[in-house]
PDB file of N, CA and C in Angstrom:
ATOM      1  N   MET A   1       1.062  -1.201  -0.081  1.00  0.00           N
ATOM      2  CA  MET A   1      -0.069   0.336  -0.232  1.00  0.00           C
ATOM      3  C   MET A   1       1.310   1.231   0.203  1.00  0.00           C
ATOM      4  N   LYS A   2       0.722   2.159  -0.726  1.00  0.00           N
ATOM      5  CA  LYS A   2       1.423   3.356  -1.009  1.00  0.00           C
ATOM      6  C   LYS A   2       0.813   4.141  -0.027  1.00  0.00           C
ATOM      7  N   SER A   3       2.046   5.148   0.536  1.00  0.00           N
ATOM      8  CA  SER A   3       1.614   5.791   1.975  1.00  0.00           C
ATOM      9  C   SER A   3       1.167   7.066   1.080  1.00  0.00           C
ATOM     10  N   TYR A   4       0.492   8.073   1.764  1.00  0.00           N
ATOM     11  CA  TYR A   4       0.089   9.191   1.662  1.00  0.00           C
ATOM     12  C   TYR A   4       0.761  10.375   2.746  1.00  0.00           C
ATOM     13  N   LYS A   5       1.717  11.292   1.482  1.00  0.00           N
ATOM     14  CA  LYS A   5       2.660  12.153   2.405  1.00  0.00           C
ATOM     15  C   LYS A   5       1.749  13.766   1.995  1.00  0.00           C
ATOM     16  N   PRO A   6       1.207  13.887   2.981  1.00  0.00           N
ATOM     17  CA  PRO A   6       0.259  15.400   2.594  1.00  0.00           C
ATOM     18  C   PRO A   6       1.541  16.317   2.228  1.00  0.00           C
ATOM     19  N   GLN A   7       0.483  17.370   1.632  1.00  0.00           N
ATOM     20  CA  GLN A   7       1.068  18.382   1.106  1.00  0.00           C
ATOM     21  C   GLN A   7       0.441  20.018   1.434  1.00  0.00           C
ATOM     22  N   ILE A   8       0.277  21.234   1.155  1.00  0.00           N
ATOM     23  CA  ILE A   8      -0.157  22.247   1.493  1.00  0.00           C
ATOM     24  C   ILE A   8      -1.051  22.052   0.463  1.00  0.00           C
ATOM     25  N   ASN A   9      -2.414  22.996   0.657  1.00  0.00           N
ATOM     26  CA  ASN A   9      -2.914  22.965  -0.241  1.00  0.00           C
ATOM     27  C   ASN A   9      -3.424  21.201  -0.295  1.00  0.00           C
ATOM     28  N   ASP A  10      -3.673  20.343   0.247  1.00  0.00           N
ATOM     29  CA  ASP A  10      -4.750  19.306   0.018  1.00  0.00           C
ATOM     30  C   ASP A  10      -5.642  19.491   1.148  1.00  0.00           C
ATOM     31  N   TYR A  11      -7.069  19.053   0.466  1.00  0.00           N
ATOM     32  CA  TYR A  11      -8.505  18.787   1.650  1.00  0.00           C
ATOM     33  C   TYR A  11      -8.091  17.454   1.752  1.00  0.00           C
ATOM     34  N   VAL A  12      -8.163  17.480   3.269  1.00  0.00           N
ATOM     35  CA  VAL A  12      -7.807  16.070   3.853  1.00  0.00           C
ATOM     36  C   VAL A  12      -9.083  16.134   5.060  1.00  0.00           C
ATOM     37  N   VAL A  13      -9.418  14.564   5.055  1.00  0.00           N
ATOM     38  CA  VAL A  13     -10.221  13.882   6.104  1.00  0.00           C
ATOM     39  C   VAL A  13      -9.759  12.891   7.001  1.00  0.00           C
ATOM     40  N   TRP A  14      -9.726  13.450   8.304  1.00  0.00           N
ATOM     41  CA  TRP A  14      -8.489  12.701   8.939  1.00  0.00           C
ATOM     42  C   TRP A  14      -9.625  12.165   9.759  1.00  0.00           C
ATOM     43  N   LYS A  15     -10.182  10.796  10.183  1.00  0.00           N
ATOM     44  CA  LYS A  15     -11.059   9.509  10.422  1.00  0.00           C
ATOM     45  C   LYS A  15     -10.397   9.006  11.607  1.00  0.00           C
ATOM     46  N   ARG A  16     -10.147   9.986  13.095  1.00  0.00           N
ATOM     47  CA  ARG A  16      -9.730   8.745  13.833  1.00  0.00           C
ATOM     48  C   ARG A  16     -10.113   7.257  14.378  1.00  0.00           C
ATOM     49  N   LYS A  17      -9.136   6.756  15.172  1.00  0.00           N
ATOM     50  CA  LYS A  17     -10.059   5.550  15.749  1.00  0.00           C
ATOM     51  C   LYS A  17     -10.725   5.895  16.353  1.00  0.00           C
ATOM     52  N   THR A  18     -10.875   7.208  17.611  1.00  0.00           N
ATOM     53  CA  THR A  18     -11.587   7.146  18.819  1.00  0.00           C
ATOM     54  C   THR A  18     -12.706   7.888  17.710  1.00  0.00           C
ATOM     55  N   GLY A  19     -12.750   7.467  16.598  1.00  0.00           N
ATOM     56  CA  GLY A  19     -14.511   8.240  16.094  1.00  0.00           C
ATOM     57  C   GLY A  19     -14.297   9.417  15.715  1.00  0.00           C
ATOM     58  N   ASP A  20     -13.331  10.076  15.945  1.00  0.00           N
ATOM     59  CA  ASP A  20     -13.541  12.158  15.646  1.00  0.00           C
ATOM     60  C   ASP A  20     -13.063  12.114  14.020  1.00  0.00           C
ATOM     61  N   ILE A  21     -13.309  12.806  13.647  1.00  0.00           N
ATOM     62  CA  ILE A  21     -13.520  13.333  12.146  1.00  0.00           C
ATOM     63  C   ILE A  21     -13.046  14.491  12.318  1.00  0.00           C
ATOM     64  N   ASP A  22     -12.290  15.288  11.599  1.00  0.00           N
ATOM     65  CA  ASP A  22     -11.157  16.465  11.322  1.00  0.00           C
ATOM     66  C   ASP A  22     -11.598  16.667   9.618  1.00  0.00           C
ATOM     67  N   GLU A  23     -11.821  17.569   9.116  1.00  0.00           N
ATOM     68  CA  GLU A  23     -11.802  17.792   7.682  1.00  0.00           C
ATOM     69  C   GLU A  23     -11.255  19.459   7.403  1.00  0.00           C
ATOM     70  N   GLY A  24     -10.313  19.644   6.391  1.00  0.00           N
ATOM     71  CA  GLY A  24     -10.043  20.863   6.052  1.00  0.00           C
ATOM     72  C   GLY A  24      -9.270  20.938   4.851  1.00  0.00           C
ATOM     73  N   TRP A  25      -7.970  21.675   4.992  1.00  0.00           N
ATOM     74  CA  TRP A  25      -7.190  22.025   4.266  1.00  0.00           C
ATOM     75  C   TRP A  25      -5.473  22.143   4.844  1.00  0.00           C
ATOM     76  N   VAL A  26      -4.358  21.460   3.696  1.00  0.00           N
ATOM     77  CA  VAL A  26      -3.317  21.197   4.825  1.00  0.00           C
ATOM     78  C   VAL A  26      -2.287  22.554   5.101  1.00  0.00           C
ATOM     79  N   TYR A  27      -2.482  23.438   6.286  1.00  0.00           N
ATOM     80  CA  TYR A  27      -2.088  24.355   6.247  1.00  0.00           C
ATOM     81  C   TYR A  27      -0.220  24.655   6.354  1.00  0.00           C
ATOM     82  N   PHE A  28       0.196  23.581   6.852  1.00  0.00           N
ATOM     83  CA  PHE A  28       1.543  23.435   6.869  1.00  0.00           C
ATOM     84  C   PHE A  28       1.824  22.188   7.017  1.00  0.00           C
ATOM     85  N   VAL A  29       3.426  21.883   6.185  1.00  0.00           N
ATOM     86  CA  VAL A  29       4.044  20.432   6.117  1.00  0.00           C
ATOM     87  C   VAL A  29       5.490  20.367   6.794  1.00  0.00           C
ATOM     88  N   ASP A  30       5.827  19.398   8.082  1.00  0.00           N
ATOM     89  CA  ASP A  30       6.812  19.390   8.368  1.00  0.00           C
ATOM     90  C   ASP A  30       7.077  17.796   8.193  1.00  0.00           C
ATOM     91  N   ASP A  31       8.039  17.279   8.131  1.00  0.00           N
ATOM     92  CA  ASP A  31       8.488  15.870   8.463  1.00  0.00           C
ATOM     93  C   ASP A  31       7.682  14.791   9.494  1.00  0.00           C
ATOM     94  N   SER A  32       7.554  15.898  10.292  1.00  0.00           N
ATOM     95  CA  SER A  32       6.996  15.034  12.121  1.00  0.00           C
ATOM     96  C   SER A  32       5.427  15.303  11.678  1.00  0.00           C
ATOM     97  N   TYR A  33       5.100  17.054  11.252  1.00  0.00           N
ATOM     98  CA  TYR A  33       3.981  16.580  11.535  1.00  0.00           C
ATOM     99  C   TYR A  33       3.017  17.831  10.549  1.00  0.00           C
ATOM    100  N   ILE A  34       1.321  17.869  10.330  1.00  0.00           N
ATOM    101  CA  ILE A  34       1.113  18.355   9.474  1.00  0.00           C
ATOM    102  C   ILE A  34       0.008  19.892  10.405  1.00  0.00           C
ATOM    103  N   THR A  35      -0.317  20.623  10.121  1.00  0.00           N
ATOM    104  CA  THR A  35      -1.895  21.130  10.584  1.00  0.00           C
ATOM    105  C   THR A  35      -2.455  21.059   9.597  1.00  0.00           C
ATOM    106  N   ILE A  36      -4.226  21.040   9.938  1.00  0.00           N
ATOM    107  CA  ILE A  36      -5.201  21.403   9.147  1.00  0.00           C
ATOM    108  C   ILE A  36      -5.841  21.890  10.032  1.00  0.00           C
ATOM    109  N   GLU A  37      -6.388  22.640   8.754  1.00  0.00           N
ATOM    110  CA  GLU A  37      -7.198  24.395   8.964  1.00  0.00           C
ATOM    111  C   GLU A  37      -8.655  23.902   9.244  1.00  0.00           C
ATOM    112  N   VAL A  38      -9.054  23.402  10.263  1.00  0.00           N
ATOM    113  CA  VAL A  38     -10.796  23.016  10.374  1.00  0.00           C
ATOM    114  C   VAL A  38     -11.830  24.358  10.745  1.00  0.00           C
ATOM    115  N   GLY A  39     -11.286  25.776  10.943  1.00  0.00           N
ATOM    116  CA  GLY A  39     -12.420  26.854  10.950  1.00  0.00           C
ATOM    117  C   GLY A  39     -11.232  27.899  10.515  1.00  0.00           C
ATOM    118  N   VAL A  40     -11.970  29.075  10.083  1.00  0.00           N
ATOM    119  CA  VAL A  40     -11.544  30.360   9.756  1.00  0.00           C
ATOM    120  C   VAL A  40     -12.806  31.551   9.943  1.00  0.00           C
ATOM    121  N   LYS A  41     -12.372  32.268  10.649  1.00  0.00           N
ATOM    122  CA  LYS A  41     -13.748  33.611  11.044  1.00  0.00           C
ATOM    123  C   LYS A  41     -12.973  34.992  11.207  1.00  0.00           C
ATOM    124  N   ASP A  42     -13.987  35.849  11.143  1.00  0.00           N
ATOM    125  CA  ASP A  42     -13.718  37.148  11.112  1.00  0.00           C
ATOM    126  C   ASP A  42     -12.969  37.590  12.143  1.00  0.00           C
ATOM    127  N   ILE A  43     -11.646  38.136  12.373  1.00  0.00           N
ATOM    128  CA  ILE A  43     -11.328  38.703  13.706  1.00  0.00           C
ATOM    129  C   ILE A  43     -12.944  39.844  13.847  1.00  0.00           C
ATOM    130  N   PRO A  44     -12.909  40.234  15.210  1.00  0.00           N
ATOM    131  CA  PRO A  44     -14.037  41.125  15.514  1.00  0.00           C
ATOM    132  C   PRO A  44     -13.522  42.519  15.589  1.00  0.00           C
ATOM    133  N   TYR A  45     -13.877  43.321  14.588  1.00  0.00           N
ATOM    134  CA  TYR A  45     -13.226  44.564  14.892  1.00  0.00           C
ATOM    135  C   TYR A  45     -13.713  45.767  15.976  1.00  0.00           C
ATOM    136  N   CYS A  46     -12.180  46.342  16.538  1.00  0.00           N
ATOM    137  CA  CYS A  46     -12.769  46.914  18.039  1.00  0.00           C
ATOM    138  C   CYS A  46     -11.168  47.342  17.955  1.00  0.00           C
ATOM    139  N   GLU A  47     -10.868  48.146  19.376  1.00  0.00           N
ATOM    140  CA  GLU A  47     -10.532  49.391  19.539  1.00  0.00           C
ATOM    141  C   GLU A  47      -8.776  48.360  19.756  1.00  0.00           C
ATOM    142  N   TYR A  48      -8.814  47.540  19.613  1.00  0.00           N
ATOM    143  CA  TYR A  48      -7.155  46.665  19.725  1.00  0.00           C
ATOM    144  C   TYR A  48      -6.841  45.645  18.734  1.00  0.00           C
ATOM    145  N   THR A  49      -7.689  45.483  17.757  1.00  0.00           N
ATOM    146  CA  THR A  49      -7.355  45.089  16.278  1.00  0.00           C
ATOM    147  C   THR A  49      -7.223  45.928  15.025  1.00  0.00           C
ATOM    148  N   LYS A  50      -8.567  47.338  15.112  1.00  0.00           N
ATOM    149  CA  LYS A  50      -8.183  48.010  14.563  1.00  0.00           C
ATOM    150  C   LYS A  50      -7.275  48.320  13.063  1.00  0.00           C
ATOM    151  N   ASN A  51      -6.028  48.272  13.802  1.00  0.00           N
ATOM    152  CA  ASN A  51      -5.045  48.843  13.073  1.00  0.00           C
ATOM    153  C   ASN A  51      -3.631  47.631  12.773  1.00  0.00           C
ATOM    154  N   SER A  52      -4.565  46.199  13.077  1.00  0.00           N
ATOM    155  CA  SER A  52      -3.870  44.825  12.768  1.00  0.00           C
ATOM    156  C   SER A  52      -4.117  44.374  11.385  1.00  0.00           C
ATOM    157  N   LEU A  53      -2.786  43.658  10.753  1.00  0.00           N
ATOM    158  CA  LEU A  53      -3.088  42.670  10.033  1.00  0.00           C
ATOM    159  C   LEU A  53      -3.628  42.095   8.892  1.00  0.00           C
ATOM    160  N   HIS A  54      -3.556  41.287  10.385  1.00  0.00           N
ATOM    161  CA  HIS A  54      -4.397  39.987  10.448  1.00  0.00           C
ATOM    162  C   HIS A  54      -5.999  40.082  10.287  1.00  0.00           C
ATOM    163  N   CYS A  55      -6.948  39.390   9.713  1.00  0.00           N
ATOM    164  CA  CYS A  55      -8.443  40.097   9.646  1.00  0.00           C
ATOM    165  C   CYS A  55      -9.170  38.505  10.151  1.00  0.00           C
ATOM    166  N   LYS A  56      -8.339  37.622  10.007  1.00  0.00           N
ATOM    167  CA  LYS A  56      -8.434  36.054   9.954  1.00  0.00           C
ATOM    168  C   LYS A  56      -8.515  35.265  11.103  1.00  0.00           C
ATOM    169  N   GLN A  57      -9.284  34.860  12.184  1.00  0.00           N
ATOM    170  CA  GLN A  57      -8.320  33.934  12.760  1.00  0.00           C
ATOM    171  C   GLN A  57      -8.727  32.208  12.300  1.00  0.00           C
ATOM    172  N   HIS A  58      -7.555  31.779  12.063  1.00  0.00           N
ATOM    173  CA  HIS A  58      -7.914  29.947  12.012  1.00  0.00           C
ATOM    174  C   HIS A  58      -7.482  29.374  13.247  1.00  0.00           C
ATOM    175  N   THR A  59      -8.459  28.501  12.699  1.00  0.00           N
ATOM    176  CA  THR A  59      -8.846  26.961  13.664  1.00  0.00           C
ATOM    177  C   THR A  59      -7.868  26.032  13.610  1.00  0.00           C
ATOM    178  N   LEU A  60      -6.633  25.604  13.974  1.00  0.00           N
ATOM    179  CA  LEU A  60      -5.757  24.134  13.440  1.00  0.00           C
ATOM    180  C   LEU A  60      -5.888  23.073  14.018  1.00  0.00           C
ATOM    181  N   VAL A  61      -5.740  21.807  13.506  1.00  0.00           N
ATOM    182  CA  VAL A  61      -5.580  20.875  14.652  1.00  0.00           C
ATOM    183  C   VAL A  61      -4.374  19.869  14.318  1.00  0.00           C
ATOM    184  N   LEU A  62      -3.408  19.400  15.081  1.00  0.00           N
ATOM    185  CA  LEU A  62      -1.862  19.091  14.533  1.00  0.00           C
ATOM    186  C   LEU A  62      -2.039  17.402  14.346  1.00  0.00           C
ATOM    187  N   CYS A  63      -1.784  17.469  13.399  1.00  0.00           N
ATOM    188  CA  CYS A  63      -1.130  15.629  13.355  1.00  0.00           C
ATOM    189  C   CYS A  63       0.038  15.457  12.901  1.00  0.00           C
ATOM    190  N   HIS A  64       0.318  13.735  13.859  1.00  0.00           N
ATOM    191  CA  HIS A  64       1.518  13.800  13.999  1.00  0.00           C
ATOM    192  C   HIS A  64       1.773  13.212  13.014  1.00  0.00           C
ATOM    193  N   ASN A  65       3.215  12.089  11.958  1.00  0.00           N
ATOM    194  CA  ASN A  65       3.028  11.772  11.284  1.00  0.00           C
ATOM    195  C   ASN A  65       2.899  10.052  11.181  1.00  0.00           C
ATOM    196  N   TRP A  66       2.540   9.565  12.251  1.00  0.00           N
ATOM    197  CA  TRP A  66       2.570   8.342  12.661  1.00  0.00           C
ATOM    198  C   TRP A  66       0.864   8.522  12.243  1.00  0.00           C
ATOM    199  N   TYR A  67       0.095   9.439  12.188  1.00  0.00           N
ATOM    200  CA  TYR A  67      -1.106   8.799  12.095  1.00  0.00           C
ATOM    201  C   TYR A  67      -1.905   9.786  10.530  1.00  0.00           C
ATOM    202  N   TRP A  68      -0.373   9.382   9.614  1.00  0.00           N
ATOM    203  CA  TRP A  68      -0.891  10.387   8.713  1.00  0.00           C
ATOM    204  C   TRP A  68      -1.868   9.031   7.531  1.00  0.00           C
ATOM    205  N   HIS A  69      -1.745   7.252   7.955  1.00  0.00           N
ATOM    206  CA  HIS A  69      -2.057   6.862   7.612  1.00  0.00           C
ATOM    207  C   HIS A  69      -3.868   6.822   7.302  1.00  0.00           C
ATOM    208  N   GLU A  70      -4.056   7.618   8.672  1.00  0.00           N
ATOM    209  CA  GLU A  70      -6.097   7.595   9.082  1.00  0.00           C
ATOM    210  C   GLU A  70      -5.834   8.695   7.722  1.00  0.00           C
ATOM    211  N   LEU A  71      -5.114   9.731   7.060  1.00  0.00           N
ATOM    212  CA  LEU A  71      -5.278  10.618   6.949  1.00  0.00           C
ATOM    213  C   LEU A  71      -6.236   9.994   4.908  1.00  0.00           C
ATOM    214  N   GLN A  72      -7.594  10.747   4.896  1.00  0.00           N
ATOM    215  CA  GLN A  72      -7.956  10.629   3.228  1.00  0.00           C
ATOM    216  C   GLN A  72      -8.077  11.534   2.246  1.00  0.00           C
ATOM    217  N   PHE A  73      -7.195  11.717   1.418  1.00  0.00           N
ATOM    218  CA  PHE A  73      -7.212  12.918   0.521  1.00  0.00           C
ATOM    219  C   PHE A  73      -8.257  12.882  -0.237  1.00  0.00           C
ATOM    220  N   LEU A  74      -8.860  14.264  -0.339  1.00  0.00           N
ATOM    221  CA  LEU A  74      -9.844  14.835  -1.262  1.00  0.00           C
ATOM    222  C   LEU A  74      -9.844  15.328  -2.425  1.00  0.00           C
ATOM    223  N   ARG A  75      -9.098  16.640  -2.233  1.00  0.00           N
ATOM    224  CA  ARG A  75      -8.605  17.128  -3.542  1.00  0.00           C
ATOM    225  C   ARG A  75      -7.077  18.069  -3.347  1.00  0.00           C
ATOM    226  N   LYS A  76      -6.739  19.383  -4.275  1.00  0.00           N
ATOM    227  CA  LYS A  76      -6.073  19.685  -4.124  1.00  0.00           C
ATOM    228  C   LYS A  76      -6.177  21.043  -4.735  1.00  0.00           C
ATOM    229  N   ARG A  77      -5.773  21.946  -4.122  1.00  0.00           N
ATOM    230  CA  ARG A  77      -6.146  23.454  -4.896  1.00  0.00           C
ATOM    231  C   ARG A  77      -4.803  24.131  -5.287  1.00  0.00           C
ATOM    232  N   LYS A  78      -4.832  25.261  -6.014  1.00  0.00           N
ATOM    233  CA  LYS A  78      -3.962  25.936  -6.563  1.00  0.00           C
ATOM    234  C   LYS A  78      -3.073  26.411  -5.735  1.00  0.00           C
ATOM    235  N   SER A  79      -4.003  27.728  -4.764  1.00  0.00           N
ATOM    236  CA  SER A  79      -3.109  28.468  -3.460  1.00  0.00           C
ATOM    237  C   SER A  79      -4.450  28.505  -2.850  1.00  0.00           C
ATOM    238  N   VAL A  80      -4.139  29.146  -1.458  1.00  0.00           N
ATOM    239  CA  VAL A  80      -5.278  29.346  -0.728  1.00  0.00           C
ATOM    240  C   VAL A  80      -6.444  30.319  -1.314  1.00  0.00           C
ATOM    241  N   TYR A  81      -6.114  31.323  -2.088  1.00  0.00           N
ATOM    242  CA  TYR A  81      -6.975  32.122  -2.713  1.00  0.00           C
ATOM    243  C   TYR A  81      -7.866  31.112  -3.640  1.00  0.00           C
ATOM    244  N   ASP A  82      -7.687  30.272  -3.835  1.00  0.00           N
ATOM    245  CA  ASP A  82      -8.932  28.869  -4.987  1.00  0.00           C
ATOM    246  C   ASP A  82      -9.794  28.852  -3.728  1.00  0.00           C
ATOM    247  N   VAL A  83     -11.206  28.334  -3.881  1.00  0.00           N
ATOM    248  CA  VAL A  83     -11.768  27.286  -3.218  1.00  0.00           C
ATOM    249  C   VAL A  83     -12.556  26.552  -3.532  1.00  0.00           C
TER     250      VAL A  83
END
């Protein structure tokens, strides 16, 4: 069986033995782990964030390389600006 090596901008589903399921875009890749972006929301505008360059909050799930066999690759996007 060919093992899957995740890449940035892959859309994956992680079905764990515990029954938990996470799905989203691979956001960061390293030899030992990846992060999967499972949520994005706007940062609320207020006195403290009005000058911030960042306008989104990203929720990421960490997946170590010994769990990569539980990942299911669904599709790939060209860049983070594609949907």
